[in-house]
Amino acid sequence: MSYLRDNKTWEEEDDINWDVIKISKVDDKIIMRLIDNLRLETSDLSDNFFISFESLLKLGKKIEPVLNLFIEETNEIHNSKVDTFNFILDFVKNNTLKFVLVPQLYHPDFITRARTILKLAHSGDLSYLNFILPLLNDPDDSVRWAVIRFLNMHKQLLKNPLVYRELKCYIGKELNSVIKKKMKDLFKET
């Protein structure tokens, strides 16, 4: 299933629900719109981010020239976002996945995202850290909680200055009081 909207209604307001269209009808303008949903000017993730990620993976080779051009022309992308765009580009070019769990980390279903983070936490695989860190901004509390557990379980607050900075910046934005308290406790332990 694809979540891309029909080309005819693309100009309508941004919050309209996604729809199914044929891949053959997807043009460069739609691809750029999907890329923009991944880029996000704000740090908050939304359903649009996860649906756009999945849609770009499904579009395959069709996105390669647009994504290549975007990566070459932009210098404003945060490191984890560069990793995300490079992941998509690598998948499109080689049709293989170096990080096989990234599609589950950015899956539209929050339960899939949370379970994947917990699996990675228990396996001790830190190679996914750059893909997990942006999920501190996930719209779902259970995903954010899983990220905090992952970081705590592997003592990343102490070991990784990037994690320390990201958590320090995010702590004030957290609305869930349980997660906020856990984050504050982590900083007290350091």
N, C-alpha and C. Protein backbone atom coordinates (compact mmCIF):
# COMPACT_ATOMS: atom_id res chain seq x y z
N MET A 1 0.84 -1.18 0.00
CA MET A 1 0.00 0.00 0.00
C MET A 1 0.88 1.24 0.00
N SER A 2 0.51 2.21 -0.75
CA SER A 2 1.21 3.48 -0.79
C SER A 2 0.32 4.54 -0.18
N TYR A 3 0.92 5.53 0.47
CA TYR A 3 0.15 6.55 1.13
C TYR A 3 0.19 7.89 0.39
N LEU A 4 0.70 7.88 -0.81
CA LEU A 4 0.78 9.12 -1.57
C LEU A 4 -0.60 9.58 -2.02
N ARG A 5 -0.80 10.88 -2.01
CA ARG A 5 -2.09 11.41 -2.44
C ARG A 5 -2.14 11.57 -3.95
N ASP A 6 -3.34 11.68 -4.47
CA ASP A 6 -3.56 11.88 -5.89
C ASP A 6 -2.96 13.22 -6.33
N ASN A 7 -2.29 13.22 -7.46
CA ASN A 7 -1.65 14.44 -7.96
C ASN A 7 -2.63 15.61 -8.06
N LYS A 8 -3.87 15.35 -8.38
CA LYS A 8 -4.84 16.41 -8.59
C LYS A 8 -5.13 17.19 -7.30
N THR A 9 -5.03 16.54 -6.16
CA THR A 9 -5.36 17.20 -4.89
C THR A 9 -4.10 17.58 -4.11
N TRP A 10 -2.96 17.50 -4.74
CA TRP A 10 -1.70 17.74 -4.03
C TRP A 10 -1.60 19.16 -3.50
N GLU A 11 -2.17 20.11 -4.18
CA GLU A 11 -2.08 21.51 -3.78
C GLU A 11 -3.01 21.86 -2.61
N GLU A 12 -3.90 20.95 -2.25
CA GLU A 12 -4.82 21.23 -1.16
C GLU A 12 -4.05 21.33 0.16
N GLU A 13 -4.76 21.67 1.23
CA GLU A 13 -4.10 21.89 2.50
C GLU A 13 -3.28 20.67 2.94
N ASP A 14 -2.22 20.95 3.71
CA ASP A 14 -1.24 19.94 4.07
C ASP A 14 -1.78 18.83 4.96
N ASP A 15 -2.79 19.10 5.76
CA ASP A 15 -3.24 18.12 6.72
C ASP A 15 -4.30 17.16 6.18
N ILE A 16 -4.53 17.19 4.89
CA ILE A 16 -5.50 16.29 4.29
C ILE A 16 -4.97 14.86 4.43
N ASN A 17 -5.83 13.87 4.54
CA ASN A 17 -5.41 12.48 4.68
C ASN A 17 -4.69 12.00 3.42
N TRP A 18 -3.83 11.04 3.60
CA TRP A 18 -3.09 10.46 2.48
C TRP A 18 -4.00 9.54 1.70
N ASP A 19 -3.64 9.31 0.45
CA ASP A 19 -4.45 8.46 -0.40
C ASP A 19 -3.52 7.58 -1.23
N VAL A 20 -4.08 6.61 -1.87
CA VAL A 20 -3.32 5.68 -2.70
C VAL A 20 -3.33 6.19 -4.14
N ILE A 21 -2.14 6.21 -4.77
CA ILE A 21 -2.05 6.52 -6.19
C ILE A 21 -1.07 5.55 -6.83
N LYS A 22 -1.14 5.46 -8.13
CA LYS A 22 -0.22 4.59 -8.86
C LYS A 22 1.17 5.19 -8.84
N ILE A 23 2.17 4.35 -8.69
CA ILE A 23 3.56 4.81 -8.67
C ILE A 23 3.90 5.51 -9.98
N SER A 24 3.31 5.07 -11.08
CA SER A 24 3.60 5.68 -12.38
C SER A 24 3.14 7.15 -12.43
N LYS A 25 2.23 7.55 -11.56
CA LYS A 25 1.74 8.93 -11.55
C LYS A 25 2.53 9.83 -10.61
N VAL A 26 3.49 9.26 -9.91
CA VAL A 26 4.30 10.07 -8.99
C VAL A 26 5.33 10.84 -9.80
N ASP A 27 5.37 12.15 -9.60
CA ASP A 27 6.34 12.98 -10.31
C ASP A 27 7.36 13.57 -9.33
N ASP A 28 8.31 14.34 -9.86
CA ASP A 28 9.37 14.92 -9.04
C ASP A 28 8.83 15.85 -7.95
N LYS A 29 7.75 16.52 -8.25
CA LYS A 29 7.14 17.43 -7.28
C LYS A 29 6.64 16.66 -6.05
N ILE A 30 6.02 15.53 -6.27
CA ILE A 30 5.53 14.71 -5.17
C ILE A 30 6.71 14.13 -4.40
N ILE A 31 7.73 13.70 -5.11
CA ILE A 31 8.92 13.16 -4.44
C ILE A 31 9.56 14.22 -3.55
N MET A 32 9.67 15.45 -4.04
CA MET A 32 10.24 16.53 -3.22
C MET A 32 9.36 16.81 -2.00
N ARG A 33 8.07 16.70 -2.16
CA ARG A 33 7.17 16.90 -1.02
C ARG A 33 7.40 15.83 0.04
N LEU A 34 7.60 14.59 -0.39
CA LEU A 34 7.90 13.51 0.55
C LEU A 34 9.24 13.75 1.25
N ILE A 35 10.23 14.18 0.48
CA ILE A 35 11.55 14.50 1.05
C ILE A 35 11.42 15.64 2.06
N ASP A 36 10.64 16.64 1.73
CA ASP A 36 10.43 17.76 2.66
C ASP A 36 9.77 17.28 3.96
N ASN A 37 8.90 16.30 3.87
CA ASN A 37 8.29 15.74 5.08
C ASN A 37 9.32 15.05 5.96
N LEU A 38 10.37 14.52 5.37
CA LEU A 38 11.45 13.91 6.15
C LEU A 38 12.39 14.96 6.71
N ARG A 39 12.57 16.01 5.96
CA ARG A 39 13.51 17.06 6.34
C ARG A 39 13.05 17.81 7.58
N LEU A 40 11.82 18.16 7.62
CA LEU A 40 11.21 18.84 8.76
C LEU A 40 12.00 20.04 9.26
N GLU A 41 11.43 21.20 9.16
CA GLU A 41 12.07 22.40 9.70
C GLU A 41 12.04 22.39 11.21
N THR A 42 11.01 21.80 11.79
CA THR A 42 10.96 21.65 13.24
C THR A 42 11.51 20.28 13.60
N SER A 43 11.82 20.08 14.85
CA SER A 43 12.40 18.81 15.24
C SER A 43 11.35 17.76 15.56
N ASP A 44 10.07 18.14 15.58
CA ASP A 44 9.02 17.19 15.92
C ASP A 44 8.70 16.28 14.75
N LEU A 45 8.52 15.00 15.06
CA LEU A 45 8.13 14.03 14.05
C LEU A 45 6.62 13.96 14.03
N SER A 46 6.08 13.55 12.89
CA SER A 46 4.64 13.38 12.78
C SER A 46 4.37 12.14 11.94
N ASP A 47 3.09 11.82 11.81
CA ASP A 47 2.73 10.69 10.96
C ASP A 47 3.20 10.92 9.53
N ASN A 48 3.21 12.18 9.08
CA ASN A 48 3.68 12.48 7.72
C ASN A 48 5.11 12.02 7.51
N PHE A 49 5.96 12.17 8.53
CA PHE A 49 7.35 11.73 8.44
C PHE A 49 7.41 10.23 8.16
N PHE A 50 6.70 9.44 8.97
CA PHE A 50 6.77 7.99 8.86
C PHE A 50 6.14 7.48 7.56
N ILE A 51 5.04 8.08 7.16
CA ILE A 51 4.39 7.67 5.91
C ILE A 51 5.25 8.07 4.71
N SER A 52 5.88 9.23 4.77
CA SER A 52 6.76 9.67 3.68
C SER A 52 7.97 8.76 3.56
N PHE A 53 8.55 8.38 4.70
CA PHE A 53 9.70 7.48 4.70
C PHE A 53 9.33 6.17 4.00
N GLU A 54 8.22 5.58 4.42
CA GLU A 54 7.79 4.32 3.83
C GLU A 54 7.47 4.47 2.34
N SER A 55 6.84 5.57 1.97
CA SER A 55 6.50 5.81 0.56
C SER A 55 7.74 5.96 -0.30
N LEU A 56 8.75 6.67 0.21
CA LEU A 56 9.99 6.83 -0.56
C LEU A 56 10.67 5.49 -0.79
N LEU A 57 10.66 4.63 0.22
CA LEU A 57 11.26 3.31 0.05
C LEU A 57 10.53 2.52 -1.04
N LYS A 58 9.22 2.66 -1.09
CA LYS A 58 8.42 1.91 -2.05
C LYS A 58 8.55 2.46 -3.47
N LEU A 59 8.93 3.71 -3.61
CA LEU A 59 9.05 4.30 -4.95
C LEU A 59 10.30 3.82 -5.69
N GLY A 60 11.28 3.34 -4.96
CA GLY A 60 12.45 2.75 -5.57
C GLY A 60 13.29 3.69 -6.40
N LYS A 61 13.80 3.20 -7.53
CA LYS A 61 14.74 3.92 -8.38
C LYS A 61 14.20 5.26 -8.88
N LYS A 62 12.90 5.41 -8.88
CA LYS A 62 12.28 6.63 -9.38
C LYS A 62 12.73 7.86 -8.59
N ILE A 63 13.08 7.68 -7.30
CA ILE A 63 13.45 8.83 -6.47
C ILE A 63 14.93 9.15 -6.52
N GLU A 64 15.74 8.25 -7.07
CA GLU A 64 17.19 8.41 -7.02
C GLU A 64 17.69 9.76 -7.53
N PRO A 65 17.30 10.23 -8.73
CA PRO A 65 17.83 11.51 -9.20
C PRO A 65 17.40 12.69 -8.32
N VAL A 66 16.17 12.68 -7.86
CA VAL A 66 15.67 13.78 -7.03
C VAL A 66 16.37 13.78 -5.67
N LEU A 67 16.52 12.60 -5.08
CA LEU A 67 17.17 12.49 -3.78
C LEU A 67 18.66 12.83 -3.87
N ASN A 68 19.33 12.39 -4.94
CA ASN A 68 20.73 12.75 -5.15
C ASN A 68 20.91 14.27 -5.23
N LEU A 69 20.07 14.90 -6.02
CA LEU A 69 20.13 16.35 -6.18
C LEU A 69 19.88 17.05 -4.84
N PHE A 70 18.89 16.58 -4.10
CA PHE A 70 18.58 17.17 -2.80
C PHE A 70 19.77 17.06 -1.84
N ILE A 71 20.38 15.90 -1.75
CA ILE A 71 21.51 15.69 -0.84
C ILE A 71 22.68 16.57 -1.25
N GLU A 72 22.94 16.70 -2.55
CA GLU A 72 24.06 17.53 -3.03
C GLU A 72 23.84 19.00 -2.74
N GLU A 73 22.59 19.47 -2.85
CA GLU A 73 22.31 20.89 -2.73
C GLU A 73 22.08 21.37 -1.30
N THR A 74 21.86 20.48 -0.38
CA THR A 74 21.52 20.92 0.97
C THR A 74 22.72 20.79 1.91
N ASN A 75 22.84 21.74 2.80
CA ASN A 75 23.89 21.67 3.82
C ASN A 75 23.29 21.90 5.20
N GLU A 76 21.98 21.90 5.29
CA GLU A 76 21.31 22.22 6.54
C GLU A 76 20.82 21.02 7.31
N ILE A 77 21.08 19.83 6.80
CA ILE A 77 20.52 18.62 7.41
C ILE A 77 21.33 18.20 8.64
N HIS A 78 20.62 17.89 9.71
CA HIS A 78 21.23 17.34 10.92
C HIS A 78 21.83 15.97 10.58
N ASN A 79 22.87 15.57 11.27
CA ASN A 79 23.57 14.32 10.96
C ASN A 79 22.64 13.11 10.88
N SER A 80 21.71 12.98 11.81
CA SER A 80 20.82 11.83 11.77
C SER A 80 19.92 11.88 10.54
N LYS A 81 19.58 13.06 10.08
CA LYS A 81 18.77 13.16 8.87
C LYS A 81 19.60 12.79 7.65
N VAL A 82 20.88 13.14 7.65
CA VAL A 82 21.76 12.71 6.57
C VAL A 82 21.79 11.19 6.53
N ASP A 83 21.89 10.56 7.69
CA ASP A 83 21.88 9.09 7.75
C ASP A 83 20.59 8.52 7.17
N THR A 84 19.48 9.17 7.46
CA THR A 84 18.19 8.70 6.94
C THR A 84 18.13 8.81 5.43
N PHE A 85 18.54 9.97 4.88
CA PHE A 85 18.53 10.14 3.43
C PHE A 85 19.51 9.19 2.75
N ASN A 86 20.67 9.01 3.33
CA ASN A 86 21.65 8.07 2.76
C ASN A 86 21.15 6.63 2.84
N PHE A 87 20.42 6.29 3.89
CA PHE A 87 19.82 4.96 4.00
C PHE A 87 18.86 4.73 2.84
N ILE A 88 17.98 5.69 2.61
CA ILE A 88 16.99 5.57 1.52
C ILE A 88 17.70 5.47 0.18
N LEU A 89 18.70 6.32 -0.04
CA LEU A 89 19.42 6.32 -1.31
C LEU A 89 20.15 5.00 -1.52
N ASP A 90 20.78 4.48 -0.48
CA ASP A 90 21.48 3.20 -0.57
C ASP A 90 20.51 2.07 -0.90
N PHE A 91 19.34 2.11 -0.28
CA PHE A 91 18.33 1.09 -0.56
C PHE A 91 17.87 1.16 -2.02
N VAL A 92 17.64 2.38 -2.50
CA VAL A 92 17.18 2.56 -3.87
C VAL A 92 18.24 2.10 -4.87
N LYS A 93 19.49 2.45 -4.62
CA LYS A 93 20.56 2.10 -5.57
C LYS A 93 20.89 0.62 -5.56
N ASN A 94 20.97 0.03 -4.36
CA ASN A 94 21.46 -1.35 -4.24
C ASN A 94 20.39 -2.37 -3.93
N ASN A 95 19.19 -1.90 -3.58
CA ASN A 95 18.09 -2.78 -3.19
C ASN A 95 18.48 -3.73 -2.06
N THR A 96 19.38 -3.27 -1.20
CA THR A 96 19.77 -4.04 -0.02
C THR A 96 19.75 -3.10 1.18
N LEU A 97 19.66 -3.67 2.35
CA LEU A 97 19.61 -2.88 3.57
C LEU A 97 20.80 -3.23 4.45
N LYS A 98 21.62 -2.23 4.75
CA LYS A 98 22.71 -2.43 5.70
C LYS A 98 22.13 -2.45 7.11
N PHE A 99 21.19 -1.56 7.37
CA PHE A 99 20.51 -1.49 8.66
C PHE A 99 19.07 -1.97 8.44
N VAL A 100 18.87 -3.27 8.58
CA VAL A 100 17.60 -3.89 8.21
C VAL A 100 16.42 -3.47 9.08
N LEU A 101 16.69 -2.93 10.26
CA LEU A 101 15.61 -2.57 11.16
C LEU A 101 15.14 -1.12 11.02
N VAL A 102 15.78 -0.33 10.19
CA VAL A 102 15.38 1.07 10.03
C VAL A 102 13.94 1.20 9.52
N PRO A 103 13.49 0.39 8.56
CA PRO A 103 12.09 0.51 8.17
C PRO A 103 11.12 0.26 9.34
N GLN A 104 11.49 -0.59 10.29
CA GLN A 104 10.64 -0.80 11.46
C GLN A 104 10.76 0.37 12.45
N LEU A 105 11.95 0.99 12.54
CA LEU A 105 12.12 2.14 13.42
C LEU A 105 11.29 3.33 12.95
N TYR A 106 11.10 3.45 11.64
CA TYR A 106 10.34 4.56 11.08
C TYR A 106 9.01 4.11 10.50
N HIS A 107 8.51 3.00 10.99
CA HIS A 107 7.22 2.45 10.54
C HIS A 107 6.08 3.36 10.98
N PRO A 108 5.02 3.50 10.17
CA PRO A 108 3.88 4.33 10.58
C PRO A 108 3.19 3.88 11.88
N ASP A 109 3.31 2.60 12.25
CA ASP A 109 2.69 2.09 13.46
C ASP A 109 3.62 2.29 14.66
N PHE A 110 3.17 3.05 15.67
CA PHE A 110 4.02 3.35 16.82
C PHE A 110 4.41 2.11 17.60
N ILE A 111 3.57 1.09 17.62
CA ILE A 111 3.89 -0.14 18.34
C ILE A 111 5.09 -0.82 17.70
N THR A 112 5.13 -0.84 16.39
CA THR A 112 6.28 -1.41 15.67
C THR A 112 7.54 -0.64 16.00
N ARG A 113 7.46 0.69 16.02
CA ARG A 113 8.63 1.51 16.35
C ARG A 113 9.13 1.21 17.76
N ALA A 114 8.23 1.19 18.73
CA ALA A 114 8.62 0.96 20.12
C ALA A 114 9.21 -0.43 20.30
N ARG A 115 8.59 -1.43 19.74
CA ARG A 115 9.10 -2.81 19.87
C ARG A 115 10.49 -2.96 19.24
N THR A 116 10.70 -2.31 18.12
CA THR A 116 12.00 -2.39 17.46
C THR A 116 13.08 -1.76 18.32
N ILE A 117 12.78 -0.62 18.93
CA ILE A 117 13.76 0.02 19.82
C ILE A 117 14.08 -0.89 20.99
N LEU A 118 13.06 -1.51 21.56
CA LEU A 118 13.29 -2.41 22.70
C LEU A 118 14.11 -3.63 22.29
N LYS A 119 13.85 -4.16 21.09
CA LYS A 119 14.67 -5.29 20.59
C LYS A 119 16.13 -4.87 20.47
N LEU A 120 16.36 -3.68 19.94
CA LEU A 120 17.73 -3.19 19.79
C LEU A 120 18.37 -2.94 21.16
N ALA A 121 17.59 -2.47 22.10
CA ALA A 121 18.11 -2.24 23.45
C ALA A 121 18.56 -3.55 24.07
N HIS A 122 17.76 -4.58 23.93
CA HIS A 122 18.11 -5.88 24.52
C HIS A 122 19.24 -6.58 23.78
N SER A 123 19.37 -6.31 22.49
CA SER A 123 20.45 -6.94 21.72
C SER A 123 21.78 -6.21 21.93
N GLY A 124 21.70 -4.95 22.37
CA GLY A 124 22.93 -4.18 22.60
C GLY A 124 23.51 -3.59 21.33
N ASP A 125 22.73 -3.54 20.26
CA ASP A 125 23.22 -3.03 18.98
C ASP A 125 23.16 -1.50 18.95
N LEU A 126 24.32 -0.87 19.10
CA LEU A 126 24.39 0.60 19.11
C LEU A 126 24.58 1.20 17.72
N SER A 127 24.69 0.36 16.71
CA SER A 127 24.90 0.87 15.35
C SER A 127 23.68 1.65 14.84
N TYR A 128 22.53 1.47 15.48
CA TYR A 128 21.31 2.16 15.07
C TYR A 128 21.09 3.47 15.82
N LEU A 129 22.04 3.88 16.64
CA LEU A 129 21.86 5.05 17.50
C LEU A 129 21.45 6.30 16.72
N ASN A 130 22.09 6.57 15.59
CA ASN A 130 21.74 7.76 14.80
C ASN A 130 20.33 7.71 14.23
N PHE A 131 19.77 6.52 14.10
CA PHE A 131 18.40 6.39 13.62
C PHE A 131 17.41 6.44 14.79
N ILE A 132 17.85 6.07 15.98
CA ILE A 132 16.98 6.05 17.16
C ILE A 132 16.86 7.44 17.78
N LEU A 133 17.94 8.18 17.81
CA LEU A 133 17.96 9.48 18.48
C LEU A 133 16.86 10.44 18.00
N PRO A 134 16.57 10.54 16.70
CA PRO A 134 15.49 11.44 16.28
C PRO A 134 14.12 11.05 16.84
N LEU A 135 13.98 9.79 17.27
CA LEU A 135 12.70 9.34 17.79
C LEU A 135 12.41 9.87 19.20
N LEU A 136 13.34 10.65 19.76
CA LEU A 136 13.03 11.39 20.98
C LEU A 136 11.87 12.35 20.73
N ASN A 137 11.68 12.73 19.48
CA ASN A 137 10.61 13.65 19.09
C ASN A 137 9.38 12.93 18.56
N ASP A 138 9.31 11.62 18.76
CA ASP A 138 8.18 10.84 18.26
C ASP A 138 6.87 11.33 18.88
N PRO A 139 5.78 11.35 18.11
CA PRO A 139 4.51 11.79 18.66
C PRO A 139 3.94 10.85 19.73
N ASP A 140 4.43 9.62 19.79
CA ASP A 140 3.89 8.66 20.74
C ASP A 140 4.78 8.52 21.98
N ASP A 141 4.17 8.56 23.15
CA ASP A 141 4.89 8.44 24.42
C ASP A 141 5.65 7.13 24.56
N SER A 142 5.04 6.03 24.10
CA SER A 142 5.69 4.72 24.27
C SER A 142 6.99 4.63 23.47
N VAL A 143 7.05 5.28 22.33
CA VAL A 143 8.27 5.29 21.52
C VAL A 143 9.34 6.13 22.22
N ARG A 144 8.96 7.29 22.72
CA ARG A 144 9.92 8.14 23.44
C ARG A 144 10.45 7.41 24.67
N TRP A 145 9.56 6.71 25.38
CA TRP A 145 9.97 5.95 26.56
C TRP A 145 10.96 4.85 26.16
N ALA A 146 10.71 4.18 25.06
CA ALA A 146 11.62 3.13 24.58
C ALA A 146 12.99 3.72 24.24
N VAL A 147 13.01 4.91 23.66
CA VAL A 147 14.28 5.57 23.34
C VAL A 147 15.05 5.86 24.63
N ILE A 148 14.37 6.38 25.63
CA ILE A 148 15.01 6.69 26.92
C ILE A 148 15.56 5.41 27.54
N ARG A 149 14.78 4.34 27.50
CA ARG A 149 15.26 3.04 28.04
C ARG A 149 16.48 2.56 27.29
N PHE A 150 16.46 2.69 25.96
CA PHE A 150 17.60 2.28 25.14
C PHE A 150 18.86 3.05 25.56
N LEU A 151 18.72 4.37 25.64
CA LEU A 151 19.87 5.22 25.98
C LEU A 151 20.36 4.95 27.38
N ASN A 152 19.44 4.72 28.31
CA ASN A 152 19.81 4.43 29.69
C ASN A 152 20.46 3.06 29.82
N MET A 153 19.89 2.07 29.16
CA MET A 153 20.39 0.70 29.25
C MET A 153 21.85 0.60 28.80
N HIS A 154 22.21 1.44 27.83
CA HIS A 154 23.56 1.39 27.27
C HIS A 154 24.43 2.56 27.73
N LYS A 155 23.96 3.27 28.75
CA LYS A 155 24.73 4.37 29.37
C LYS A 155 25.23 5.38 28.35
N GLN A 156 24.40 5.67 27.36
CA GLN A 156 24.80 6.59 26.30
C GLN A 156 24.90 8.04 26.76
N LEU A 157 24.20 8.38 27.81
CA LEU A 157 24.28 9.74 28.34
C LEU A 157 25.70 10.06 28.81
N LEU A 158 26.35 9.06 29.38
CA LEU A 158 27.72 9.23 29.86
C LEU A 158 28.75 9.07 28.76
N LYS A 159 28.48 8.20 27.81
CA LYS A 159 29.47 7.83 26.80
C LYS A 159 29.45 8.70 25.55
N ASN A 160 28.32 9.32 25.26
CA ASN A 160 28.17 9.98 23.98
C ASN A 160 27.73 11.44 24.15
N PRO A 161 28.61 12.39 23.83
CA PRO A 161 28.27 13.81 23.99
C PRO A 161 27.06 14.25 23.15
N LEU A 162 26.88 13.64 21.97
CA LEU A 162 25.72 13.97 21.12
C LEU A 162 24.43 13.60 21.85
N VAL A 163 24.40 12.44 22.46
CA VAL A 163 23.22 12.00 23.20
C VAL A 163 22.96 12.95 24.36
N TYR A 164 24.00 13.32 25.07
CA TYR A 164 23.88 14.23 26.19
C TYR A 164 23.24 15.55 25.75
N ARG A 165 23.76 16.13 24.65
CA ARG A 165 23.23 17.39 24.13
C ARG A 165 21.78 17.26 23.68
N GLU A 166 21.48 16.17 22.94
CA GLU A 166 20.11 15.97 22.43
C GLU A 166 19.12 15.84 23.59
N LEU A 167 19.47 15.07 24.61
CA LEU A 167 18.57 14.91 25.75
C LEU A 167 18.41 16.20 26.53
N LYS A 168 19.51 16.91 26.70
CA LYS A 168 19.47 18.18 27.44
C LYS A 168 18.55 19.17 26.73
N CYS A 169 18.63 19.23 25.41
CA CYS A 169 17.76 20.13 24.63
C CYS A 169 16.31 19.68 24.67
N TYR A 170 16.09 18.38 24.69
CA TYR A 170 14.73 17.86 24.58
C TYR A 170 13.97 17.86 25.91
N ILE A 171 14.66 17.79 27.01
CA ILE A 171 14.01 17.60 28.31
C ILE A 171 12.94 18.66 28.58
N GLY A 172 13.16 19.89 28.17
CA GLY A 172 12.18 20.95 28.39
C GLY A 172 10.94 20.83 27.52
N LYS A 173 11.05 20.11 26.39
CA LYS A 173 9.92 19.95 25.48
C LYS A 173 9.02 18.77 25.82
N GLU A 174 9.53 17.85 26.64
CA GLU A 174 8.77 16.64 26.97
C GLU A 174 7.53 16.98 27.78
N LEU A 175 6.36 16.54 27.31
CA LEU A 175 5.10 16.82 27.97
C LEU A 175 4.67 15.73 28.95
N ASN A 176 5.13 14.51 28.73
CA ASN A 176 4.77 13.39 29.59
C ASN A 176 5.59 13.49 30.88
N SER A 177 4.91 13.62 32.01
CA SER A 177 5.60 13.84 33.29
C SER A 177 6.46 12.64 33.71
N VAL A 178 6.04 11.42 33.39
CA VAL A 178 6.82 10.23 33.75
C VAL A 178 8.13 10.21 32.97
N ILE A 179 8.06 10.47 31.67
CA ILE A 179 9.26 10.48 30.84
C ILE A 179 10.17 11.64 31.25
N LYS A 180 9.59 12.78 31.52
CA LYS A 180 10.38 13.95 31.94
C LYS A 180 11.13 13.66 33.24
N LYS A 181 10.46 13.02 34.19
CA LYS A 181 11.10 12.67 35.47
C LYS A 181 12.25 11.68 35.24
N LYS A 182 12.03 10.69 34.38
CA LYS A 182 13.07 9.71 34.08
C LYS A 182 14.28 10.40 33.46
N MET A 183 14.04 11.34 32.57
CA MET A 183 15.13 12.07 31.93
C MET A 183 15.91 12.89 32.97
N LYS A 184 15.19 13.54 33.87
CA LYS A 184 15.86 14.31 34.92
C LYS A 184 16.68 13.39 35.83
N ASP A 185 16.14 12.23 36.13
CA ASP A 185 16.86 11.24 36.96
C ASP A 185 18.15 10.80 36.28
N LEU A 186 18.09 10.63 34.97
CA LEU A 186 19.30 10.25 34.22
C LEU A 186 20.39 11.31 34.36
N PHE A 187 20.00 12.56 34.29
CA PHE A 187 20.99 13.63 34.43
C PHE A 187 21.54 13.72 35.85
N LYS A 188 20.73 13.37 36.84
CA LYS A 188 21.21 13.36 38.22
C LYS A 188 22.27 12.27 38.43
N GLU A 189 22.11 11.16 37.68
CA GLU A 189 23.05 10.04 37.81
C GLU A 189 24.40 10.33 37.17
N THR A 190 24.46 11.32 36.29
CA THR A 190 25.72 11.60 35.58
C THR A 190 26.62 12.49 36.38
